[in-house]
PDB file of all heavy atoms in Angstrom:
ATOM      1  N   ALA A   1       3.507  -9.446  11.821  1.00  0.00           N
ATOM      2  CA  ALA A   1       2.751  -8.767  10.764  1.00  0.00           C
ATOM      3  C   ALA A   1       3.654  -8.230   9.663  1.00  0.00           C
ATOM      4  O   ALA A   1       3.163  -7.837   8.592  1.00  0.00           O
ATOM      5  CB  ALA A   1       1.920  -7.626  11.355  1.00  0.00           C
ATOM      6  N   TYR A   2       4.961  -8.188   9.917  1.00  0.00           N
ATOM      7  CA  TYR A   2       5.916  -7.658   8.948  1.00  0.00           C
ATOM      8  C   TYR A   2       6.664  -8.760   8.196  1.00  0.00           C
ATOM      9  O   TYR A   2       7.582  -8.460   7.434  1.00  0.00           O
ATOM     10  CB  TYR A   2       6.934  -6.764   9.662  1.00  0.00           C
ATOM     11  CG  TYR A   2       6.354  -5.484  10.217  1.00  0.00           C
ATOM     12  CD1 TYR A   2       5.751  -5.446  11.469  1.00  0.00           C
ATOM     13  CD2 TYR A   2       6.414  -4.297   9.493  1.00  0.00           C
ATOM     14  CE1 TYR A   2       5.220  -4.275  11.991  1.00  0.00           C
ATOM     15  CE2 TYR A   2       5.887  -3.115  10.001  1.00  0.00           C
ATOM     16  CZ  TYR A   2       5.289  -3.115  11.258  1.00  0.00           C
ATOM     17  OH  TYR A   2       4.767  -1.947  11.757  1.00  0.00           O
ATOM     18  N   ASP A   3       6.292 -10.008   8.410  1.00  0.00           N
ATOM     19  CA  ASP A   3       6.959 -11.098   7.706  1.00  0.00           C
ATOM     20  C   ASP A   3       6.933 -10.849   6.202  1.00  0.00           C
ATOM     21  O   ASP A   3       5.901 -10.437   5.650  1.00  0.00           O
ATOM     22  CB  ASP A   3       6.290 -12.441   8.022  1.00  0.00           C
ATOM     23  CG  ASP A   3       6.687 -12.972   9.393  1.00  0.00           C
ATOM     24  OD1 ASP A   3       7.688 -12.484   9.946  1.00  0.00           O
ATOM     25  OD2 ASP A   3       5.999 -13.875   9.900  1.00  0.00           O
ATOM     26  N   ASP A   4       8.049 -11.107   5.550  1.00  0.00           N
ATOM     27  CA  ASP A   4       8.177 -10.782   4.131  1.00  0.00           C
ATOM     28  C   ASP A   4       7.067 -11.395   3.286  1.00  0.00           C
ATOM     29  O   ASP A   4       6.466 -10.721   2.439  1.00  0.00           O
ATOM     30  CB  ASP A   4       9.538 -11.252   3.619  1.00  0.00           C
ATOM     31  CG  ASP A   4      10.674 -10.379   4.123  1.00  0.00           C
ATOM     32  OD1 ASP A   4      10.498  -9.705   5.159  1.00  0.00           O
ATOM     33  OD2 ASP A   4      11.749 -10.379   3.493  1.00  0.00           O
ATOM     34  N   LYS A   5       6.790 -12.669   3.510  1.00  0.00           N
ATOM     35  CA  LYS A   5       5.783 -13.358   2.698  1.00  0.00           C
ATOM     36  C   LYS A   5       4.413 -12.741   2.893  1.00  0.00           C
ATOM     37  O   LYS A   5       3.660 -12.540   1.930  1.00  0.00           O
ATOM     38  CB  LYS A   5       5.751 -14.844   3.056  1.00  0.00           C
ATOM     39  CG  LYS A   5       4.836 -15.660   2.165  1.00  0.00           C
ATOM     40  CD  LYS A   5       4.919 -17.149   2.499  1.00  0.00           C
ATOM     41  CE  LYS A   5       3.998 -17.963   1.590  1.00  0.00           C
ATOM     42  NZ  LYS A   5       4.055 -19.407   1.916  1.00  0.00           N
ATOM     43  N   LEU A   6       4.082 -12.403   4.121  1.00  0.00           N
ATOM     44  CA  LEU A   6       2.781 -11.801   4.418  1.00  0.00           C
ATOM     45  C   LEU A   6       2.657 -10.427   3.764  1.00  0.00           C
ATOM     46  O   LEU A   6       1.604 -10.082   3.198  1.00  0.00           O
ATOM     47  CB  LEU A   6       2.599 -11.691   5.932  1.00  0.00           C
ATOM     48  CG  LEU A   6       1.234 -11.242   6.450  1.00  0.00           C
ATOM     49  CD1 LEU A   6       0.157 -12.238   6.046  1.00  0.00           C
ATOM     50  CD2 LEU A   6       1.266 -11.076   7.960  1.00  0.00           C
ATOM     51  N   GLN A   7       3.725  -9.640   3.816  1.00  0.00           N
ATOM     52  CA  GLN A   7       3.707  -8.324   3.191  1.00  0.00           C
ATOM     53  C   GLN A   7       3.559  -8.423   1.680  1.00  0.00           C
ATOM     54  O   GLN A   7       2.854  -7.627   1.057  1.00  0.00           O
ATOM     55  CB  GLN A   7       4.977  -7.557   3.562  1.00  0.00           C
ATOM     56  CG  GLN A   7       5.003  -7.043   4.988  1.00  0.00           C
ATOM     57  CD  GLN A   7       4.014  -5.922   5.223  1.00  0.00           C
ATOM     58  OE1 GLN A   7       3.910  -4.978   4.457  1.00  0.00           O
ATOM     59  NE2 GLN A   7       3.260  -6.031   6.313  1.00  0.00           N
ATOM     60  N   GLU A   8       4.209  -9.405   1.082  1.00  0.00           N
ATOM     61  CA  GLU A   8       4.113  -9.587  -0.368  1.00  0.00           C
ATOM     62  C   GLU A   8       2.708  -9.994  -0.783  1.00  0.00           C
ATOM     63  O   GLU A   8       2.236  -9.621  -1.868  1.00  0.00           O
ATOM     64  CB  GLU A   8       5.125 -10.639  -0.821  1.00  0.00           C
ATOM     65  CG  GLU A   8       6.572 -10.170  -0.732  1.00  0.00           C
ATOM     66  CD  GLU A   8       7.566 -11.289  -0.955  1.00  0.00           C
ATOM     67  OE1 GLU A   8       7.118 -12.445  -1.149  1.00  0.00           O
ATOM     68  OE2 GLU A   8       8.777 -11.031  -0.914  1.00  0.00           O
ATOM     69  N   GLU A   9       2.029 -10.752   0.077  1.00  0.00           N
ATOM     70  CA  GLU A   9       0.669 -11.201  -0.235  1.00  0.00           C
ATOM     71  C   GLU A   9      -0.349 -10.067  -0.099  1.00  0.00           C
ATOM     72  O   GLU A   9      -1.274  -9.964  -0.913  1.00  0.00           O
ATOM     73  CB  GLU A   9       0.277 -12.352   0.698  1.00  0.00           C
ATOM     74  CG  GLU A   9       1.019 -13.649   0.440  1.00  0.00           C
ATOM     75  CD  GLU A   9       0.694 -14.709   1.481  1.00  0.00           C
ATOM     76  OE1 GLU A   9      -0.015 -14.373   2.473  1.00  0.00           O
ATOM     77  OE2 GLU A   9       1.142 -15.858   1.321  1.00  0.00           O
ATOM     78  N   LYS A  10      -0.187  -9.223   0.902  1.00  0.00           N
ATOM     79  CA  LYS A  10      -1.214  -8.237   1.225  1.00  0.00           C
ATOM     80  C   LYS A  10      -0.963  -6.855   0.637  1.00  0.00           C
ATOM     81  O   LYS A  10      -1.908  -6.125   0.334  1.00  0.00           O
ATOM     82  CB  LYS A  10      -1.344  -8.113   2.751  1.00  0.00           C
ATOM     83  CG  LYS A  10      -1.978  -9.322   3.418  1.00  0.00           C
ATOM     84  CD  LYS A  10      -2.241  -9.033   4.889  1.00  0.00           C
ATOM     85  CE  LYS A  10      -3.023 -10.152   5.547  1.00  0.00           C
ATOM     86  NZ  LYS A  10      -3.366  -9.835   6.960  1.00  0.00           N
ATOM     87  N   ASN A  11       0.320  -6.490   0.506  1.00  0.00           N
ATOM     88  CA  ASN A  11       0.640  -5.108   0.142  1.00  0.00           C
ATOM     89  C   ASN A  11       1.434  -5.018  -1.153  1.00  0.00           C
ATOM     90  O   ASN A  11       1.892  -6.021  -1.691  1.00  0.00           O
ATOM     91  CB  ASN A  11       1.382  -4.431   1.290  1.00  0.00           C
ATOM     92  CG  ASN A  11       0.509  -4.308   2.538  1.00  0.00           C
ATOM     93  OD1 ASN A  11      -0.709  -4.232   2.442  1.00  0.00           O
ATOM     94  ND2 ASN A  11       1.131  -4.309   3.707  1.00  0.00           N
ATOM     95  N   ILE A  12       1.621  -3.810  -1.625  1.00  0.00           N
ATOM     96  CA  ILE A  12       2.258  -3.605  -2.925  1.00  0.00           C
ATOM     97  C   ILE A  12       3.631  -2.952  -2.756  1.00  0.00           C
ATOM     98  O   ILE A  12       3.934  -2.350  -1.730  1.00  0.00           O
ATOM     99  CB  ILE A  12       1.381  -2.714  -3.838  1.00  0.00           C
ATOM    100  CG1 ILE A  12       1.255  -1.301  -3.251  1.00  0.00           C
ATOM    101  CG2 ILE A  12       0.011  -3.342  -4.039  1.00  0.00           C
ATOM    102  CD1 ILE A  12       0.586  -0.303  -4.187  1.00  0.00           C
ATOM    103  N   GLU A  13       4.452  -3.082  -3.786  1.00  0.00           N
ATOM    104  CA  GLU A  13       5.728  -2.380  -3.826  1.00  0.00           C
ATOM    105  C   GLU A  13       5.474  -0.944  -4.269  1.00  0.00           C
ATOM    106  O   GLU A  13       4.784  -0.701  -5.247  1.00  0.00           O
ATOM    107  CB  GLU A  13       6.688  -3.066  -4.795  1.00  0.00           C
ATOM    108  CG  GLU A  13       7.186  -4.421  -4.308  1.00  0.00           C
ATOM    109  CD  GLU A  13       8.293  -4.955  -5.203  1.00  0.00           C
ATOM    110  OE1 GLU A  13       9.060  -4.134  -5.753  1.00  0.00           O
ATOM    111  OE2 GLU A  13       8.384  -6.186  -5.361  1.00  0.00           O
ATOM    112  N   CYS A  14       6.038  -0.015  -3.534  1.00  0.00           N
ATOM    113  CA  CYS A  14       5.817   1.401  -3.837  1.00  0.00           C
ATOM    114  C   CYS A  14       7.118   2.073  -4.277  1.00  0.00           C
ATOM    115  O   CYS A  14       8.205   1.492  -4.143  1.00  0.00           O
ATOM    116  CB  CYS A  14       5.248   2.117  -2.610  1.00  0.00           C
ATOM    117  SG  CYS A  14       3.627   1.502  -2.094  1.00  0.00           S
ATOM    118  N   VAL A  15       6.995   3.281  -4.757  1.00  0.00           N
ATOM    119  CA  VAL A  15       8.159   4.041  -5.213  1.00  0.00           C
ATOM    120  C   VAL A  15       8.748   4.789  -4.023  1.00  0.00           C
ATOM    121  O   VAL A  15       8.081   5.651  -3.442  1.00  0.00           O
ATOM    122  CB  VAL A  15       7.767   5.029  -6.317  1.00  0.00           C
ATOM    123  CG1 VAL A  15       8.990   5.818  -6.769  1.00  0.00           C
ATOM    124  CG2 VAL A  15       7.134   4.294  -7.484  1.00  0.00           C
ATOM    125  N   PRO A  16       9.982   4.474  -3.631  1.00  0.00           N
ATOM    126  CA  PRO A  16      10.586   5.165  -2.479  1.00  0.00           C
ATOM    127  C   PRO A  16      10.805   6.646  -2.757  1.00  0.00           C
ATOM    128  O   PRO A  16      10.920   7.074  -3.903  1.00  0.00           O
ATOM    129  CB  PRO A  16      11.934   4.437  -2.310  1.00  0.00           C
ATOM    130  CG  PRO A  16      11.791   3.148  -3.060  1.00  0.00           C
ATOM    131  CD  PRO A  16      10.868   3.442  -4.189  1.00  0.00           C
ATOM    132  N   GLY A  17      10.851   7.415  -1.664  1.00  0.00           N
ATOM    133  CA  GLY A  17      11.228   8.817  -1.765  1.00  0.00           C
ATOM    134  C   GLY A  17      10.125   9.776  -2.132  1.00  0.00           C
ATOM    135  O   GLY A  17      10.391  10.965  -2.343  1.00  0.00           O
ATOM    136  N   GLN A  18       8.886   9.295  -2.219  1.00  0.00           N
ATOM    137  CA  GLN A  18       7.782  10.194  -2.522  1.00  0.00           C
ATOM    138  C   GLN A  18       6.519   9.723  -1.813  1.00  0.00           C
ATOM    139  O   GLN A  18       6.332   8.535  -1.589  1.00  0.00           O
ATOM    140  CB  GLN A  18       7.540  10.293  -4.030  1.00  0.00           C
ATOM    141  CG  GLN A  18       7.111   8.987  -4.687  1.00  0.00           C
ATOM    142  CD  GLN A  18       6.992   9.104  -6.193  1.00  0.00           C
ATOM    143  OE1 GLN A  18       7.879   9.637  -6.859  1.00  0.00           O
ATOM    144  NE2 GLN A  18       5.890   8.612  -6.739  1.00  0.00           N
ATOM    145  N   TYR A  19       5.668  10.675  -1.454  1.00  0.00           N
ATOM    146  CA  TYR A  19       4.409  10.323  -0.795  1.00  0.00           C
ATOM    147  C   TYR A  19       3.545   9.471  -1.718  1.00  0.00           C
ATOM    148  O   TYR A  19       3.551   9.647  -2.941  1.00  0.00           O
ATOM    149  CB  TYR A  19       3.638  11.578  -0.408  1.00  0.00           C
ATOM    150  CG  TYR A  19       4.315  12.458   0.614  1.00  0.00           C
ATOM    151  CD1 TYR A  19       4.635  13.787   0.322  1.00  0.00           C
ATOM    152  CD2 TYR A  19       4.636  11.968   1.879  1.00  0.00           C
ATOM    153  CE1 TYR A  19       5.247  14.604   1.258  1.00  0.00           C
ATOM    154  CE2 TYR A  19       5.256  12.781   2.818  1.00  0.00           C
ATOM    155  CZ  TYR A  19       5.568  14.087   2.504  1.00  0.00           C
ATOM    156  OH  TYR A  19       6.185  14.891   3.428  1.00  0.00           O
ATOM    157  N   PHE A  20       2.806   8.543  -1.122  1.00  0.00           N
ATOM    158  CA  PHE A  20       1.903   7.682  -1.883  1.00  0.00           C
ATOM    159  C   PHE A  20       0.487   8.259  -1.754  1.00  0.00           C
ATOM    160  O   PHE A  20      -0.276   7.870  -0.885  1.00  0.00           O
ATOM    161  CB  PHE A  20       1.974   6.252  -1.359  1.00  0.00           C
ATOM    162  CG  PHE A  20       1.162   5.259  -2.154  1.00  0.00           C
ATOM    163  CD1 PHE A  20       0.859   5.483  -3.488  1.00  0.00           C
ATOM    164  CD2 PHE A  20       0.710   4.097  -1.558  1.00  0.00           C
ATOM    165  CE1 PHE A  20       0.131   4.559  -4.216  1.00  0.00           C
ATOM    166  CE2 PHE A  20      -0.027   3.169  -2.278  1.00  0.00           C
ATOM    167  CZ  PHE A  20      -0.319   3.395  -3.613  1.00  0.00           C
ATOM    168  N   ILE A  21       0.182   9.216  -2.636  1.00  0.00           N
ATOM    169  CA  ILE A  21      -1.106   9.892  -2.609  1.00  0.00           C
ATOM    170  C   ILE A  21      -2.108   9.052  -3.395  1.00  0.00           C
ATOM    171  O   ILE A  21      -1.861   8.691  -4.547  1.00  0.00           O
ATOM    172  CB  ILE A  21      -1.025  11.301  -3.228  1.00  0.00           C
ATOM    173  CG1 ILE A  21       0.144  12.095  -2.606  1.00  0.00           C
ATOM    174  CG2 ILE A  21      -2.340  12.037  -3.054  1.00  0.00           C
ATOM    175  CD1 ILE A  21       0.004  12.370  -1.146  1.00  0.00           C
ATOM    176  N   GLN A  22      -3.257   8.755  -2.767  1.00  0.00           N
ATOM    177  CA  GLN A  22      -4.267   7.927  -3.419  1.00  0.00           C
ATOM    178  C   GLN A  22      -5.576   8.702  -3.517  1.00  0.00           C
ATOM    179  O   GLN A  22      -6.044   9.278  -2.542  1.00  0.00           O
ATOM    180  CB  GLN A  22      -4.481   6.629  -2.640  1.00  0.00           C
ATOM    181  CG  GLN A  22      -3.196   5.808  -2.501  1.00  0.00           C
ATOM    182  CD  GLN A  22      -3.411   4.508  -1.762  1.00  0.00           C
ATOM    183  OE1 GLN A  22      -4.186   3.667  -2.191  1.00  0.00           O
ATOM    184  NE2 GLN A  22      -2.697   4.340  -0.658  1.00  0.00           N
ATOM    185  N   GLY A  23      -6.141   8.698  -4.702  1.00  0.00           N
ATOM    186  CA  GLY A  23      -7.393   9.394  -4.932  1.00  0.00           C
ATOM    187  C   GLY A  23      -8.589   8.520  -4.604  1.00  0.00           C
ATOM    188  O   GLY A  23      -8.500   7.551  -3.858  1.00  0.00           O
ATOM    189  N   GLY A  24      -9.720   8.886  -5.189  1.00  0.00           N
ATOM    190  CA  GLY A  24     -10.946   8.139  -4.942  1.00  0.00           C
ATOM    191  C   GLY A  24     -11.717   8.695  -3.764  1.00  0.00           C
ATOM    192  O   GLY A  24     -11.296   9.640  -3.095  1.00  0.00           O
ATOM    193  N   SER A  25     -12.855   8.079  -3.488  1.00  0.00           N
ATOM    194  CA  SER A  25     -13.710   8.541  -2.394  1.00  0.00           C
ATOM    195  C   SER A  25     -13.112   8.149  -1.047  1.00  0.00           C
ATOM    196  O   SER A  25     -12.247   7.269  -0.961  1.00  0.00           O
ATOM    197  CB  SER A  25     -15.104   7.927  -2.532  1.00  0.00           C
ATOM    198  OG  SER A  25     -15.045   6.516  -2.351  1.00  0.00           O
ATOM    199  N   ASP A  26     -13.603   8.805   0.001  1.00  0.00           N
ATOM    200  CA  ASP A  26     -13.106   8.512   1.345  1.00  0.00           C
ATOM    201  C   ASP A  26     -13.351   7.066   1.749  1.00  0.00           C
ATOM    202  O   ASP A  26     -12.599   6.496   2.536  1.00  0.00           O
ATOM    203  CB  ASP A  26     -13.769   9.433   2.375  1.00  0.00           C
ATOM    204  CG  ASP A  26     -13.274  10.864   2.261  1.00  0.00           C
ATOM    205  OD1 ASP A  26     -12.226  11.073   1.623  1.00  0.00           O
ATOM    206  OD2 ASP A  26     -13.942  11.769   2.803  1.00  0.00           O
ATOM    207  N   SER A  27     -14.410   6.458   1.213  1.00  0.00           N
ATOM    208  CA  SER A  27     -14.772   5.096   1.603  1.00  0.00           C
ATOM    209  C   SER A  27     -14.057   4.023   0.774  1.00  0.00           C
ATOM    210  O   SER A  27     -14.173   2.835   1.068  1.00  0.00           O
ATOM    211  CB  SER A  27     -16.284   4.902   1.482  1.00  0.00           C
ATOM    212  OG  SER A  27     -16.705   5.108   0.144  1.00  0.00           O
ATOM    213  N   GLU A  28     -13.322   4.447  -0.253  1.00  0.00           N
ATOM    214  CA  GLU A  28     -12.640   3.490  -1.130  1.00  0.00           C
ATOM    215  C   GLU A  28     -11.408   2.914  -0.438  1.00  0.00           C
ATOM    216  O   GLU A  28     -10.615   3.642   0.153  1.00  0.00           O
ATOM    217  CB  GLU A  28     -12.220   4.189  -2.423  1.00  0.00           C
ATOM    218  CG  GLU A  28     -11.600   3.269  -3.457  1.00  0.00           C
ATOM    219  CD  GLU A  28     -11.275   4.010  -4.749  1.00  0.00           C
ATOM    220  OE1 GLU A  28     -12.049   4.933  -5.090  1.00  0.00           O
ATOM    221  OE2 GLU A  28     -10.260   3.683  -5.380  1.00  0.00           O
ATOM    222  N   GLU A  29     -11.272   1.578  -0.491  1.00  0.00           N
ATOM    223  CA  GLU A  29     -10.141   0.935   0.179  1.00  0.00           C
ATOM    224  C   GLU A  29      -8.819   1.364  -0.453  1.00  0.00           C
ATOM    225  O   GLU A  29      -8.680   1.407  -1.677  1.00  0.00           O
ATOM    226  CB  GLU A  29     -10.276  -0.591   0.107  1.00  0.00           C
ATOM    227  CG  GLU A  29      -9.202  -1.326   0.885  1.00  0.00           C
ATOM    228  CD  GLU A  29      -9.443  -2.819   0.979  1.00  0.00           C
ATOM    229  OE1 GLU A  29     -10.603  -3.216   1.197  1.00  0.00           O
ATOM    230  OE2 GLU A  29      -8.470  -3.589   0.831  1.00  0.00           O
ATOM    231  N   LYS A  30      -7.868   1.696   0.394  1.00  0.00           N
ATOM    232  CA  LYS A  30      -6.563   2.164  -0.073  1.00  0.00           C
ATOM    233  C   LYS A  30      -5.548   1.025  -0.056  1.00  0.00           C
ATOM    234  O   LYS A  30      -5.624   0.102   0.748  1.00  0.00           O
ATOM    235  CB  LYS A  30      -6.051   3.302   0.826  1.00  0.00           C
ATOM    236  CG  LYS A  30      -7.029   4.432   1.047  1.00  0.00           C
ATOM    237  CD  LYS A  30      -7.490   5.095  -0.235  1.00  0.00           C
ATOM    238  CE  LYS A  30      -8.363   6.301   0.078  1.00  0.00           C
ATOM    239  NZ  LYS A  30      -9.273   6.683  -0.984  1.00  0.00           N
ATOM    240  N   LYS A  31      -4.592   1.158  -0.959  1.00  0.00           N
ATOM    241  CA  LYS A  31      -3.507   0.191  -1.001  1.00  0.00           C
ATOM    242  C   LYS A  31      -2.431   0.578   0.020  1.00  0.00           C
ATOM    243  O   LYS A  31      -2.281   1.750   0.363  1.00  0.00           O
ATOM    244  CB  LYS A  31      -2.907   0.134  -2.405  1.00  0.00           C
ATOM    245  CG  LYS A  31      -3.888  -0.345  -3.461  1.00  0.00           C
ATOM    246  CD  LYS A  31      -3.271  -0.325  -4.840  1.00  0.00           C
ATOM    247  CE  LYS A  31      -4.273  -0.793  -5.896  1.00  0.00           C
ATOM    248  NZ  LYS A  31      -3.698  -0.755  -7.263  1.00  0.00           N
TER     249      LYS A  31
END
C-alpha cells in the first residue's frame, strides 16, 4: 500500500513539519 506509484496516484504531497488541518463538514472526504 506504500508503493511510490500508488501513493502518487492516490495521495498528495504535503508540507512537512506542520499539521495538515482540513476544514469542511465531517462527511467531506479528506485528502
